[in-house]
Amino acid sequence: MKKLEAHEVPLSKVFSSDYEFVIPDYQRPYAWGVEQATLLLDDLYEAMSRDPGDPYFLGSIVPVKESSAPLAQVIDGQQRLTTLTILLSVLRELCDNPADADNLDKLIWEPGDTIQDLASRPRVRLRRRDEDFFRKHVQDRGGLAVLQAGVAPDNDAQERIAANVQELRKQLSAKTSSERLALAKTIVQRTFLVVVSTSDLTSAYRIFSVMNSRGVELSPSDIFKSKVIGSIPDELKEKYATKWEDLEADLGRDAFADLFSHIRMIYMKIRAREQLLLEFDNHVLSGFLPGRSPEFVDTVLEPYGRAYRDIITCDYQSLPDAGEINEWLRRLHRLDNFDWQAPALWALKHHQFDREWLVGFLRRLERLGAWMLIRRYNTHGRGQRIGQLLRDLDAGQGHNSRALDLTSDEQAEMIARLEGEIYTQTAVRKYVLIRLNELLSDPPVFEHAPKIITVEHVLPQNPKAGSEWRRLFTIEQRAYWTHRLANLVLLSRTKNSEAQNFDFATKKARYFTSKSGVSSFPLTTQVLAAHSWSPQLLEQRQHELVIRLSEAWSLAGHGE
């Protein structure tokens, strides 16, 4: 049985030759932001005001360490160790007394001792990706001044380090020399960490998984990383840690975390019922750990990660003529949910080089997504439909999946909803009108420069008494047509609400045109071409627009 040791250790001993802390490459990046760093500083100031005999416990760290050697691989605790090093470096820089600065420097840097065969080295070494940046700009004397002068960080972790340096320096600069000295004494003399160490990596991860940590909570992807990379043979750890880190950096931390939810859905084919941490562990990782960890990275995480990058950027490049694939991805992104992404991931992984298959599948997937949006499926209903689609895909049904198709009743209901008061559903109206605008564009327009796209009425919702609108439309006609598709247009900016009630000719000139005099939306340009606005015109326009959408979505017998 591996020996487990737990000790309360003052920071004067934590940052000493007793420990050589190394953050393994497979650990997550430095994640504490300004909020967590300043909270630590506030806690230390609060500790200063207590009885001098009261210790301040900062929490725990979990290293893998042999009792006879200082080398300590940090499994849990890098956020505290890194932030404390930043704090000590700032105090060293602001120190007025050279002797005190030298004493603080010894907490940051092992000075070396030829008699004891101790090499000069930093007390804490970050992952190799960030080690050089941290040493040059935080741990080395004079490094903070270089950082202050302006250094471009290479990644999010380095940006957080730089931001925390600047914030802590700002706050500590506002204190007096005596206050900073008292803070340094509190850190060195009265602050303790509980160091829970073991010489066995597996044991360390077991401790890590059950201990609570303060500060930025570990994401499920951090836990999965510790399990997967921790179970890979030592000679392969660096290789697979680099693969994992590169993928996380490529996607960004938030999207990388989302990727695991989509992979869980692909494997389980049902909407989440428990925490991701449990379901992913039980239904995905359990098939690979402990002996097949590299296979999980090579055959699951990397290919799905590359596919997810293509999906979120709409920049699929596995085929030379991938433009149409990216057009369908851009359409899907306009939906008000992300349920479509799991089957899209499956498709891009399993049919990466089959252009025709992907185009046909994404076209059908967009129609299904539009149907569920227009029908206002709730999350449970969408989960059931997407789950069935994933089961069909695994069974080899592909485009012939019944879950991907729309029944005749569903098609009829979709047309009926398009015929109805579509304006009353915010997410639905914008999706449908932008989709319709594409169909009226030649060539199709998929992106619009303006950040604000609004849906506006031609026939106003509340025309003024005596206006032309009240003469052209009866009360019943206004009630029927106001919120229907034919009476709606797109604008690229918000307008003066008073102008909404102008008569038709004035409204065209002053409300539906841009500064250049031409609308950027073909849907709106059609209105500008009309000489009048009447119930008869609306009836004809409604019919034509619904036909356009029906043809695009293969509804009620219209071919693809």
Protein backbone atom coordinates (compact mmCIF):
# COMPACT_ATOMS: atom_id res chain seq x y z
CA MET A 1 0.00 0.00 0.00
CA LYS A 2 1.30 3.42 -0.94
CA LYS A 3 2.11 5.73 1.95
CA LEU A 4 -0.10 8.79 2.28
CA GLU A 5 1.14 11.82 4.19
CA ALA A 6 -0.79 14.93 5.22
CA HIS A 7 0.83 17.83 7.02
CA GLU A 8 0.01 21.41 7.89
CA VAL A 9 2.94 23.27 6.36
CA PRO A 10 3.70 27.00 6.76
CA LEU A 11 4.38 28.84 3.54
CA SER A 12 7.92 29.50 4.74
CA LYS A 13 8.46 25.73 4.36
CA VAL A 14 6.24 25.29 1.30
CA PHE A 15 8.43 27.75 -0.60
CA SER A 16 11.73 26.24 0.50
CA SER A 17 14.23 23.67 -0.68
CA ASP A 18 11.95 20.99 0.83
CA TYR A 19 9.73 21.21 -2.24
CA GLU A 20 10.34 21.63 -5.96
CA PHE A 21 6.84 22.15 -7.34
CA VAL A 22 6.26 21.24 -10.99
CA ILE A 23 2.94 21.58 -12.79
CA PRO A 24 2.72 18.60 -15.19
CA ASP A 25 1.97 19.43 -18.82
CA TYR A 26 -1.27 17.47 -18.70
CA GLN A 27 -2.77 19.71 -16.02
CA ARG A 28 -5.28 22.40 -16.93
CA PRO A 29 -3.96 25.93 -17.58
CA TYR A 30 -3.77 28.58 -14.88
CA ALA A 31 -7.41 29.58 -14.39
CA TRP A 32 -7.64 32.11 -11.56
CA GLY A 33 -8.76 35.54 -12.69
CA VAL A 34 -8.63 38.92 -11.01
CA GLU A 35 -11.66 38.08 -8.86
CA GLN A 36 -10.01 35.03 -7.28
CA ALA A 37 -6.60 36.73 -6.91
CA THR A 38 -8.06 39.78 -5.14
CA LEU A 39 -10.20 37.53 -2.94
CA LEU A 40 -7.02 35.80 -1.79
CA LEU A 41 -5.46 39.20 -1.02
CA ASP A 42 -8.58 40.30 0.88
CA ASP A 43 -8.52 37.10 2.93
CA LEU A 44 -4.89 37.67 3.84
CA TYR A 45 -5.63 41.23 4.94
CA GLU A 46 -8.50 39.92 7.03
CA ALA A 47 -6.12 37.39 8.62
CA MET A 48 -3.76 40.26 9.50
CA SER A 49 -6.48 41.81 11.68
CA ARG A 50 -6.91 38.66 13.79
CA ASP A 51 -5.01 37.59 16.85
CA PRO A 52 -1.34 37.21 15.79
CA GLY A 53 -1.39 33.69 17.20
CA ASP A 54 -4.19 32.56 14.87
CA PRO A 55 -2.98 30.70 11.77
CA TYR A 56 -4.58 31.25 8.36
CA PHE A 57 -5.29 28.03 6.45
CA LEU A 58 -5.25 28.60 2.72
CA GLY A 59 -6.50 25.15 1.76
CA SER A 60 -4.80 22.03 0.46
CA ILE A 61 -2.50 20.93 -2.30
CA VAL A 62 -1.97 17.40 -3.60
CA PRO A 63 1.48 16.58 -4.97
CA VAL A 64 3.03 13.30 -6.07
CA LYS A 65 6.25 13.28 -4.06
CA GLU A 66 8.76 10.86 -2.65
CA SER A 67 9.53 11.68 0.99
CA SER A 68 13.27 11.56 0.28
CA ALA A 69 13.30 14.03 -2.63
CA PRO A 70 11.93 17.60 -3.11
CA LEU A 71 10.44 17.04 -6.57
CA ALA A 72 6.64 17.39 -6.26
CA GLN A 73 4.28 17.02 -9.22
CA VAL A 74 1.26 19.17 -8.42
CA ILE A 75 -2.00 17.31 -9.05
CA ASP A 76 -4.14 19.87 -7.23
CA GLY A 77 -3.09 23.29 -5.97
CA GLN A 78 -1.44 25.04 -8.90
CA GLN A 79 -3.89 27.97 -8.69
CA ARG A 80 -2.85 28.77 -5.12
CA LEU A 81 0.86 28.20 -5.68
CA THR A 82 0.92 30.32 -8.84
CA THR A 83 -1.10 33.18 -7.34
CA LEU A 84 0.97 33.20 -4.15
CA THR A 85 4.11 33.39 -6.27
CA ILE A 86 2.64 36.38 -8.13
CA LEU A 87 1.78 38.04 -4.82
CA LEU A 88 5.27 37.46 -3.38
CA SER A 89 6.86 38.79 -6.59
CA VAL A 90 4.80 41.99 -6.42
CA LEU A 91 5.73 42.44 -2.74
CA ARG A 92 9.40 41.91 -3.64
CA GLU A 93 9.23 44.54 -6.38
CA LEU A 94 7.57 47.11 -4.07
CA CYS A 95 9.88 46.40 -1.12
CA ASP A 96 11.89 49.44 0.09
CA ASN A 97 14.36 47.43 2.14
CA PRO A 98 16.86 45.44 -0.01
CA ALA A 99 17.29 42.85 2.76
CA ASP A 100 13.54 42.23 2.88
CA ALA A 101 13.46 41.98 -0.91
CA ASP A 102 16.22 39.35 -0.75
CA ASN A 103 14.25 37.36 1.81
CA LEU A 104 11.14 37.46 -0.38
CA ASP A 105 13.23 36.44 -3.39
CA LYS A 106 14.26 33.24 -1.57
CA LEU A 107 10.57 32.27 -1.37
CA ILE A 108 10.25 32.67 -5.14
CA TRP A 109 13.62 31.31 -6.25
CA GLU A 110 15.89 28.62 -4.84
CA PRO A 111 19.23 30.44 -4.74
CA GLY A 112 21.25 27.23 -4.92
CA ASP A 113 23.92 25.85 -2.65
CA THR A 114 27.03 24.18 -4.01
CA ILE A 115 27.79 22.61 -0.61
CA GLN A 116 24.36 20.94 -0.48
CA ASP A 117 24.28 20.33 -4.25
CA LEU A 118 21.17 22.49 -4.63
CA ALA A 119 20.75 23.99 -8.09
CA SER A 120 19.34 27.47 -8.56
CA ARG A 121 15.73 27.12 -9.73
CA PRO A 122 12.27 28.63 -9.30
CA ARG A 123 10.20 27.24 -6.43
CA VAL A 124 7.24 26.69 -8.75
CA ARG A 125 7.53 25.64 -12.39
CA LEU A 126 4.43 25.97 -14.53
CA ARG A 127 3.56 23.82 -17.52
CA ARG A 128 6.19 24.11 -20.22
CA ARG A 129 3.76 26.12 -22.34
CA ASP A 130 3.74 28.90 -19.70
CA GLU A 131 6.96 28.22 -17.74
CA ASP A 132 9.21 30.59 -19.66
CA PHE A 133 6.68 33.44 -19.59
CA PHE A 134 6.13 33.04 -15.85
CA ARG A 135 9.83 32.87 -15.04
CA LYS A 136 10.83 35.88 -17.17
CA HIS A 137 7.96 38.18 -16.25
CA VAL A 138 7.07 37.17 -12.69
CA GLN A 139 9.73 35.12 -10.93
CA ASP A 140 12.88 36.84 -12.24
CA ARG A 141 13.82 40.09 -10.55
CA GLY A 142 12.87 42.99 -12.79
CA GLY A 143 10.41 40.81 -14.71
CA LEU A 144 7.35 42.67 -13.52
CA ALA A 145 8.71 45.91 -14.96
CA VAL A 146 9.11 44.21 -18.33
CA LEU A 147 5.54 42.92 -18.07
CA GLN A 148 4.33 46.39 -17.11
CA ALA A 149 6.00 47.85 -20.20
CA GLY A 150 3.82 45.69 -22.40
CA VAL A 151 4.26 42.03 -23.26
CA ALA A 152 1.92 40.08 -25.51
CA PRO A 153 0.76 36.85 -23.77
CA ASP A 154 0.47 33.77 -25.97
CA ASN A 155 -2.64 32.25 -24.42
CA ASP A 156 -5.45 32.68 -21.89
CA ALA A 157 -3.37 31.43 -18.95
CA GLN A 158 -0.65 34.00 -19.60
CA GLU A 159 -3.26 36.73 -19.99
CA ARG A 160 -4.66 35.84 -16.55
CA ILE A 161 -1.16 35.90 -15.06
CA ALA A 162 -0.53 39.35 -16.52
CA ALA A 163 -3.91 40.66 -15.39
CA ASN A 164 -3.40 39.39 -11.85
CA VAL A 165 0.08 40.93 -11.69
CA GLN A 166 -1.32 44.31 -12.73
CA GLU A 167 -4.25 44.18 -10.29
CA LEU A 168 -2.24 43.01 -7.28
CA ARG A 169 0.47 45.57 -8.03
CA LYS A 170 -2.16 48.30 -8.22
CA GLN A 171 -3.72 47.35 -4.90
CA LEU A 172 -0.44 46.84 -3.05
CA SER A 173 1.03 50.08 -4.40
CA ALA A 174 -1.76 51.91 -2.58
CA LYS A 175 -0.59 50.47 0.77
CA THR A 176 2.18 51.81 2.95
CA SER A 177 5.55 50.10 3.28
CA SER A 178 4.68 48.98 6.80
CA GLU A 179 1.36 47.52 5.65
CA ARG A 180 3.11 45.56 2.90
CA LEU A 181 5.71 44.29 5.36
CA ALA A 182 2.97 43.16 7.74
CA LEU A 183 1.28 41.35 4.85
CA ALA A 184 4.53 39.59 3.94
CA LYS A 185 4.96 38.46 7.54
CA THR A 186 1.39 37.14 7.61
CA ILE A 187 2.03 35.14 4.45
CA VAL A 188 5.32 33.68 5.62
CA GLN A 189 4.68 33.16 9.33
CA ARG A 190 0.94 32.57 9.76
CA THR A 191 -0.31 31.12 6.47
CA PHE A 192 -0.48 27.33 6.19
CA LEU A 193 -1.29 24.83 3.47
CA VAL A 194 -2.35 21.25 4.08
CA VAL A 195 0.00 19.21 1.89
CA VAL A 196 -1.47 15.78 1.12
CA SER A 197 1.27 13.87 -0.65
CA THR A 198 1.76 10.35 -1.95
CA SER A 199 4.38 8.74 -4.15
CA ASP A 200 1.71 7.07 -6.30
CA LEU A 201 0.02 8.99 -9.14
CA THR A 202 -3.14 6.89 -9.04
CA SER A 203 -3.51 7.50 -5.32
CA ALA A 204 -2.96 11.23 -5.85
CA TYR A 205 -5.76 11.36 -8.43
CA ARG A 206 -8.05 9.50 -6.08
CA ILE A 207 -7.40 12.14 -3.42
CA PHE A 208 -7.75 14.90 -5.99
CA SER A 209 -11.16 13.67 -7.14
CA VAL A 210 -12.73 13.69 -3.68
CA MET A 211 -11.20 16.80 -2.10
CA ASN A 212 -12.97 20.15 -2.32
CA SER A 213 -11.07 23.13 -3.71
CA ARG A 214 -11.73 26.84 -3.27
CA GLY A 215 -11.37 29.35 -6.10
CA VAL A 216 -12.21 28.49 -9.72
CA GLU A 217 -14.04 25.17 -9.75
CA LEU A 218 -12.62 22.42 -11.87
CA SER A 219 -14.67 21.87 -14.98
CA PRO A 220 -15.68 18.34 -15.97
CA SER A 221 -13.14 18.51 -18.79
CA ASP A 222 -10.40 19.15 -16.21
CA ILE A 223 -11.46 16.03 -14.30
CA PHE A 224 -11.62 13.96 -17.50
CA LYS A 225 -8.15 15.16 -18.42
CA SER A 226 -6.73 14.12 -15.07
CA LYS A 227 -8.24 10.65 -15.45
CA VAL A 228 -7.29 10.07 -19.08
CA ILE A 229 -3.77 11.50 -19.07
CA GLY A 230 -3.14 10.20 -15.56
CA SER A 231 -3.77 6.62 -16.72
CA ILE A 232 -1.49 6.84 -19.79
CA PRO A 233 1.99 5.30 -19.46
CA ASP A 234 4.64 7.82 -18.42
CA GLU A 235 6.52 7.63 -21.71
CA LEU A 236 3.36 8.73 -23.59
CA LYS A 237 2.03 11.31 -21.14
CA GLU A 238 3.76 14.27 -22.77
CA LYS A 239 2.56 13.34 -26.25
CA TYR A 240 -1.09 12.99 -25.25
CA ALA A 241 -1.04 15.93 -22.87
CA THR A 242 0.13 18.06 -25.80
CA LYS A 243 -2.68 16.73 -27.99
CA TRP A 244 -5.25 17.53 -25.32
CA GLU A 245 -3.82 21.01 -24.65
CA ASP A 246 -3.59 21.89 -28.33
CA LEU A 247 -7.21 20.95 -28.88
CA GLU A 248 -8.37 22.94 -25.84
CA ALA A 249 -6.37 25.97 -26.97
CA ASP A 250 -7.72 25.64 -30.50
CA LEU A 251 -11.37 25.52 -29.44
CA GLY A 252 -11.16 27.81 -26.41
CA ARG A 253 -11.97 26.68 -22.90
CA ASP A 254 -15.75 27.19 -23.08
CA ALA A 255 -16.24 25.44 -26.42
CA PHE A 256 -13.92 22.64 -25.33
CA ALA A 257 -16.13 22.09 -22.27
CA ASP A 258 -19.23 22.01 -24.51
CA LEU A 259 -17.62 19.38 -26.70
CA PHE A 260 -17.85 16.80 -23.91
CA SER A 261 -21.60 17.38 -23.57
CA HIS A 262 -22.08 16.71 -27.28
CA ILE A 263 -19.91 13.58 -27.17
CA ARG A 264 -21.97 12.37 -24.21
CA MET A 265 -25.14 12.85 -26.27
CA ILE A 266 -23.65 10.93 -29.20
CA TYR A 267 -22.84 7.97 -26.94
CA MET A 268 -25.93 7.99 -24.70
CA LYS A 269 -28.51 9.26 -27.25
CA ILE A 270 -30.70 10.73 -24.51
CA ARG A 271 -30.82 14.14 -22.91
CA ALA A 272 -28.72 14.49 -19.77
CA ARG A 273 -30.38 13.16 -16.65
CA GLU A 274 -27.45 13.43 -14.25
CA GLN A 275 -24.30 15.52 -14.01
CA LEU A 276 -22.01 15.38 -17.02
CA LEU A 277 -19.20 14.23 -14.74
CA LEU A 278 -21.11 11.05 -13.90
CA GLU A 279 -22.67 10.29 -17.27
CA PHE A 280 -19.52 10.88 -19.31
CA ASP A 281 -17.53 8.77 -16.89
CA ASN A 282 -20.03 5.91 -16.90
CA HIS A 283 -21.01 5.85 -20.57
CA VAL A 284 -17.95 7.12 -22.45
CA LEU A 285 -14.72 6.90 -20.46
CA SER A 286 -15.61 3.57 -18.86
CA GLY A 287 -15.11 1.93 -22.25
CA PHE A 288 -11.53 3.22 -22.49
CA LEU A 289 -10.10 3.50 -18.99
CA PRO A 290 -7.70 2.47 -17.74
CA GLY A 291 -6.00 0.50 -20.50
CA ARG A 292 -7.19 2.32 -23.64
CA SER A 293 -6.72 5.98 -22.72
CA PRO A 294 -4.63 6.85 -25.82
CA GLU A 295 -7.36 5.33 -27.98
CA PHE A 296 -9.94 7.69 -26.43
CA VAL A 297 -7.82 10.71 -27.40
CA ASP A 298 -7.00 9.39 -30.89
CA THR A 299 -10.39 8.03 -31.95
CA VAL A 300 -12.89 10.12 -29.98
CA LEU A 301 -11.59 13.41 -28.60
CA GLU A 302 -9.38 14.50 -31.49
CA PRO A 303 -11.70 13.70 -34.42
CA TYR A 304 -14.78 15.08 -32.67
CA GLY A 305 -12.74 18.09 -31.55
CA ARG A 306 -11.65 18.85 -35.12
CA ALA A 307 -15.22 18.43 -36.32
CA TYR A 308 -16.47 20.76 -33.57
CA ARG A 309 -13.95 23.40 -34.59
CA ASP A 310 -15.33 23.21 -38.14
CA ILE A 311 -18.89 23.49 -36.82
CA ILE A 312 -18.41 26.48 -34.54
CA THR A 313 -16.30 28.38 -37.10
CA CYS A 314 -18.36 27.29 -40.14
CA ASP A 315 -15.01 26.71 -41.81
CA TYR A 316 -15.04 23.08 -42.92
CA GLN A 317 -11.99 22.49 -45.12
CA SER A 318 -11.61 18.73 -45.41
CA LEU A 319 -12.85 18.97 -48.99
CA PRO A 320 -11.83 21.51 -51.63
CA ASP A 321 -15.45 22.38 -52.55
CA ALA A 322 -16.86 22.69 -49.02
CA GLY A 323 -18.67 26.01 -49.49
CA GLU A 324 -22.15 24.52 -49.46
CA ILE A 325 -21.39 22.54 -46.30
CA ASN A 326 -20.38 25.74 -44.51
CA GLU A 327 -23.53 27.48 -45.77
CA TRP A 328 -25.70 24.84 -44.09
CA LEU A 329 -23.67 25.13 -40.89
CA ARG A 330 -24.26 28.89 -40.86
CA ARG A 331 -28.00 28.32 -41.22
CA LEU A 332 -28.02 25.83 -38.37
CA HIS A 333 -26.24 28.29 -36.10
CA ARG A 334 -29.24 30.62 -36.35
CA LEU A 335 -31.41 28.15 -34.45
CA ASP A 336 -32.12 29.08 -30.84
CA ASN A 337 -30.57 25.89 -29.45
CA PHE A 338 -27.54 23.66 -29.97
CA ASP A 339 -29.21 20.24 -30.05
CA TRP A 340 -28.37 19.90 -33.75
CA GLN A 341 -24.63 19.93 -33.02
CA ALA A 342 -24.41 16.33 -31.76
CA PRO A 343 -25.72 14.77 -35.02
CA ALA A 344 -23.69 17.31 -37.03
CA LEU A 345 -20.58 16.17 -35.15
CA TRP A 346 -21.43 12.55 -35.88
CA ALA A 347 -21.83 13.38 -39.56
CA LEU A 348 -18.56 15.30 -39.91
CA LYS A 349 -16.63 12.56 -38.11
CA HIS A 350 -18.09 9.58 -39.97
CA HIS A 351 -18.47 11.16 -43.45
CA GLN A 352 -15.60 13.63 -43.37
CA PHE A 353 -14.73 13.30 -47.06
CA ASP A 354 -18.18 12.60 -48.55
CA ARG A 355 -19.40 15.97 -49.76
CA GLU A 356 -22.72 14.83 -51.22
CA TRP A 357 -23.62 12.88 -48.09
CA LEU A 358 -22.81 15.82 -45.83
CA VAL A 359 -24.71 18.36 -47.93
CA GLY A 360 -27.78 16.12 -48.06
CA PHE A 361 -27.65 15.36 -44.35
CA LEU A 362 -27.13 18.97 -43.21
CA ARG A 363 -29.96 20.12 -45.48
CA ARG A 364 -32.31 17.63 -43.83
CA LEU A 365 -30.95 18.47 -40.37
CA GLU A 366 -31.67 22.17 -40.95
CA ARG A 367 -35.23 21.33 -41.98
CA LEU A 368 -35.68 19.25 -38.83
CA GLY A 369 -34.23 22.05 -36.69
CA ALA A 370 -36.48 24.62 -38.34
CA TRP A 371 -39.51 22.37 -37.76
CA MET A 372 -38.73 21.92 -34.09
CA LEU A 373 -38.19 25.69 -33.76
CA ILE A 374 -41.43 26.60 -35.53
CA ARG A 375 -43.32 23.89 -33.67
CA ARG A 376 -41.73 25.18 -30.43
CA TYR A 377 -40.50 21.78 -29.28
CA ASN A 378 -39.36 21.95 -25.66
CA THR A 379 -35.98 20.64 -24.57
CA HIS A 380 -37.44 17.21 -23.73
CA GLY A 381 -39.05 16.87 -27.16
CA ARG A 382 -35.92 17.97 -28.99
CA GLY A 383 -33.82 15.57 -26.91
CA GLN A 384 -36.05 12.63 -27.81
CA ARG A 385 -35.99 13.44 -31.52
CA ILE A 386 -32.23 14.00 -31.68
CA GLY A 387 -31.63 10.87 -29.59
CA GLN A 388 -33.64 8.79 -32.05
CA LEU A 389 -31.75 10.37 -34.95
CA LEU A 390 -28.42 9.38 -33.37
CA ARG A 391 -29.67 5.81 -32.87
CA ASP A 392 -30.72 5.71 -36.52
CA LEU A 393 -27.32 7.01 -37.64
CA ASP A 394 -25.50 4.37 -35.62
CA ALA A 395 -27.79 1.76 -37.19
CA GLY A 396 -26.70 2.88 -40.67
CA GLN A 397 -29.96 4.52 -41.74
CA GLY A 398 -28.28 7.83 -42.66
CA HIS A 399 -30.53 10.07 -44.77
CA ASN A 400 -33.35 7.55 -44.42
CA SER A 401 -33.72 8.06 -40.68
CA ARG A 402 -37.39 8.47 -39.78
CA ALA A 403 -36.37 10.90 -37.05
CA LEU A 404 -34.72 13.10 -39.69
CA ASP A 405 -37.78 13.11 -41.93
CA LEU A 406 -41.04 14.98 -41.43
CA THR A 407 -44.32 13.09 -41.60
CA SER A 408 -47.12 14.40 -43.79
CA ASP A 409 -48.90 15.67 -40.67
CA GLU A 410 -45.79 17.47 -39.50
CA GLN A 411 -45.34 19.06 -42.92
CA ALA A 412 -48.96 20.20 -42.94
CA GLU A 413 -48.62 21.67 -39.46
CA MET A 414 -45.41 23.46 -40.42
CA ILE A 415 -47.17 25.11 -43.37
CA ALA A 416 -50.09 26.06 -41.15
CA ARG A 417 -47.75 27.73 -38.68
CA LEU A 418 -45.97 29.59 -41.48
CA GLU A 419 -49.38 30.82 -42.59
CA GLY A 420 -50.20 32.01 -39.06
CA GLU A 421 -49.20 34.98 -36.90
CA ILE A 422 -45.52 34.25 -37.01
CA TYR A 423 -44.50 37.61 -35.52
CA THR A 424 -45.75 36.57 -32.09
CA GLN A 425 -42.81 34.11 -31.71
CA THR A 426 -39.60 36.16 -31.52
CA ALA A 427 -37.07 33.41 -32.26
CA VAL A 428 -39.27 31.90 -34.96
CA ARG A 429 -39.98 35.12 -36.86
CA LYS A 430 -36.34 36.15 -37.21
CA TYR A 431 -35.17 32.68 -38.24
CA VAL A 432 -37.91 32.30 -40.86
CA LEU A 433 -37.49 35.79 -42.30
CA ILE A 434 -33.69 35.52 -42.59
CA ARG A 435 -34.10 32.10 -44.21
CA LEU A 436 -36.67 33.57 -46.59
CA ASN A 437 -34.40 36.49 -47.37
CA GLU A 438 -31.73 34.00 -48.48
CA LEU A 439 -34.20 32.34 -50.82
CA LEU A 440 -35.02 35.69 -52.42
CA SER A 441 -31.34 36.62 -52.82
CA ASP A 442 -29.41 35.92 -55.98
CA PRO A 443 -26.82 34.75 -55.10
CA PRO A 444 -27.95 33.72 -51.60
CA VAL A 445 -26.84 36.05 -48.80
CA PHE A 446 -25.77 34.28 -45.60
CA GLU A 447 -24.24 37.04 -43.55
CA HIS A 448 -25.23 40.64 -42.98
CA ALA A 449 -22.78 43.24 -41.79
CA PRO A 450 -25.17 45.08 -39.43
CA LYS A 451 -25.10 43.75 -35.90
CA ILE A 452 -28.78 44.59 -35.39
CA ILE A 453 -31.40 42.99 -37.61
CA THR A 454 -34.97 43.80 -36.65
CA VAL A 455 -38.31 42.48 -37.86
CA GLU A 456 -40.70 45.30 -38.74
CA HIS A 457 -44.33 45.61 -39.83
CA VAL A 458 -45.42 47.30 -43.05
CA LEU A 459 -49.04 47.67 -41.96
CA PRO A 460 -48.47 49.20 -38.49
CA GLN A 461 -49.64 47.46 -35.35
CA ASN A 462 -51.48 50.57 -34.16
CA PRO A 463 -52.19 52.96 -37.07
CA LYS A 464 -53.33 56.41 -36.04
CA ALA A 465 -56.94 57.50 -36.39
CA GLY A 466 -57.53 59.05 -39.80
CA SER A 467 -54.50 57.39 -41.41
CA GLU A 468 -54.47 55.76 -44.81
CA TRP A 469 -54.13 52.37 -43.15
CA ARG A 470 -57.55 52.59 -41.52
CA ARG A 471 -59.08 53.40 -44.89
CA LEU A 472 -57.37 50.53 -46.74
CA PHE A 473 -57.96 47.86 -44.08
CA THR A 474 -61.00 47.02 -42.02
CA ILE A 475 -60.56 46.23 -38.35
CA GLU A 476 -60.90 42.54 -39.13
CA GLN A 477 -58.37 42.71 -41.97
CA ARG A 478 -55.85 44.51 -39.80
CA ALA A 479 -56.34 41.96 -37.03
CA TYR A 480 -55.77 39.14 -39.55
CA TRP A 481 -52.77 40.47 -41.49
CA THR A 482 -50.69 42.55 -39.07
CA HIS A 483 -48.54 39.73 -37.65
CA ARG A 484 -48.43 37.42 -40.67
CA LEU A 485 -45.44 36.70 -42.86
CA ALA A 486 -46.54 38.84 -45.80
CA ASN A 487 -46.61 42.00 -43.66
CA LEU A 488 -43.14 41.59 -42.19
CA VAL A 489 -39.77 42.86 -43.42
CA LEU A 490 -36.18 42.97 -42.16
CA LEU A 491 -34.27 46.14 -41.31
CA SER A 492 -30.62 46.49 -40.42
CA ARG A 493 -31.12 49.02 -37.64
CA THR A 494 -33.68 50.24 -35.13
CA LYS A 495 -35.96 53.05 -36.23
CA ASN A 496 -37.82 55.89 -34.64
CA SER A 497 -41.01 54.35 -33.30
CA GLU A 498 -43.04 57.33 -34.49
CA ALA A 499 -42.13 56.58 -38.09
CA GLN A 500 -43.72 53.13 -37.88
CA ASN A 501 -47.16 54.65 -38.35
CA PHE A 502 -46.40 56.64 -41.51
CA ASP A 503 -48.60 56.04 -44.52
CA PHE A 504 -47.20 53.57 -47.04
CA ALA A 505 -45.48 55.97 -49.47
CA THR A 506 -43.85 57.98 -46.68
CA LYS A 507 -42.88 54.86 -44.78
CA LYS A 508 -41.11 53.42 -47.84
CA ALA A 509 -39.09 56.59 -48.29
CA ARG A 510 -38.24 57.31 -44.68
CA TYR A 511 -38.43 54.00 -42.84
CA PHE A 512 -37.57 51.12 -45.16
CA THR A 513 -34.56 52.63 -46.94
CA SER A 514 -30.95 53.04 -45.87
CA LYS A 515 -28.82 56.14 -46.32
CA SER A 516 -27.92 54.91 -49.80
CA GLY A 517 -31.60 54.63 -50.60
CA VAL A 518 -31.51 50.84 -51.13
CA SER A 519 -32.33 48.15 -48.57
CA SER A 520 -29.76 45.37 -48.12
CA PHE A 521 -32.58 42.82 -47.74
CA PRO A 522 -34.32 41.48 -50.87
CA LEU A 523 -37.37 40.77 -48.70
CA THR A 524 -37.62 44.48 -47.94
CA THR A 525 -36.72 45.55 -51.49
CA GLN A 526 -39.86 43.75 -52.69
CA VAL A 527 -41.93 46.05 -50.49
CA LEU A 528 -40.17 49.12 -51.88
CA ALA A 529 -41.18 47.99 -55.37
CA ALA A 530 -44.88 47.83 -54.43
CA HIS A 531 -47.04 50.85 -55.35
CA SER A 532 -49.59 50.23 -52.63
CA TRP A 533 -50.26 47.93 -49.67
CA SER A 534 -53.64 46.25 -49.59
CA PRO A 535 -55.30 43.06 -48.32
CA GLN A 536 -55.27 41.69 -51.87
CA LEU A 537 -51.52 42.25 -52.25
CA LEU A 538 -50.88 40.69 -48.84
CA GLU A 539 -52.86 37.60 -49.76
CA GLN A 540 -50.85 37.11 -52.94
CA ARG A 541 -47.55 37.85 -51.16
CA GLN A 542 -48.35 35.44 -48.33
CA HIS A 543 -49.03 32.66 -50.80
CA GLU A 544 -45.78 33.28 -52.69
CA LEU A 545 -43.62 33.46 -49.58
CA VAL A 546 -45.04 30.30 -48.03
CA ILE A 547 -44.51 28.49 -51.35
CA ARG A 548 -40.86 29.59 -51.34
CA LEU A 549 -40.34 28.19 -47.85
CA SER A 550 -42.30 25.02 -48.63
CA GLU A 551 -40.09 24.32 -51.62
CA ALA A 552 -36.91 24.96 -49.62
CA TRP A 553 -38.04 22.64 -46.81
CA SER A 554 -39.66 20.02 -49.09
CA LEU A 555 -43.09 20.46 -47.54
CA ALA A 556 -46.40 19.12 -48.80
CA GLY A 557 -45.05 17.38 -51.87
CA HIS A 558 -42.51 19.99 -52.98
CA GLY A 559 -39.35 18.27 -54.17
CA GLU A 560 -35.90 18.88 -52.81
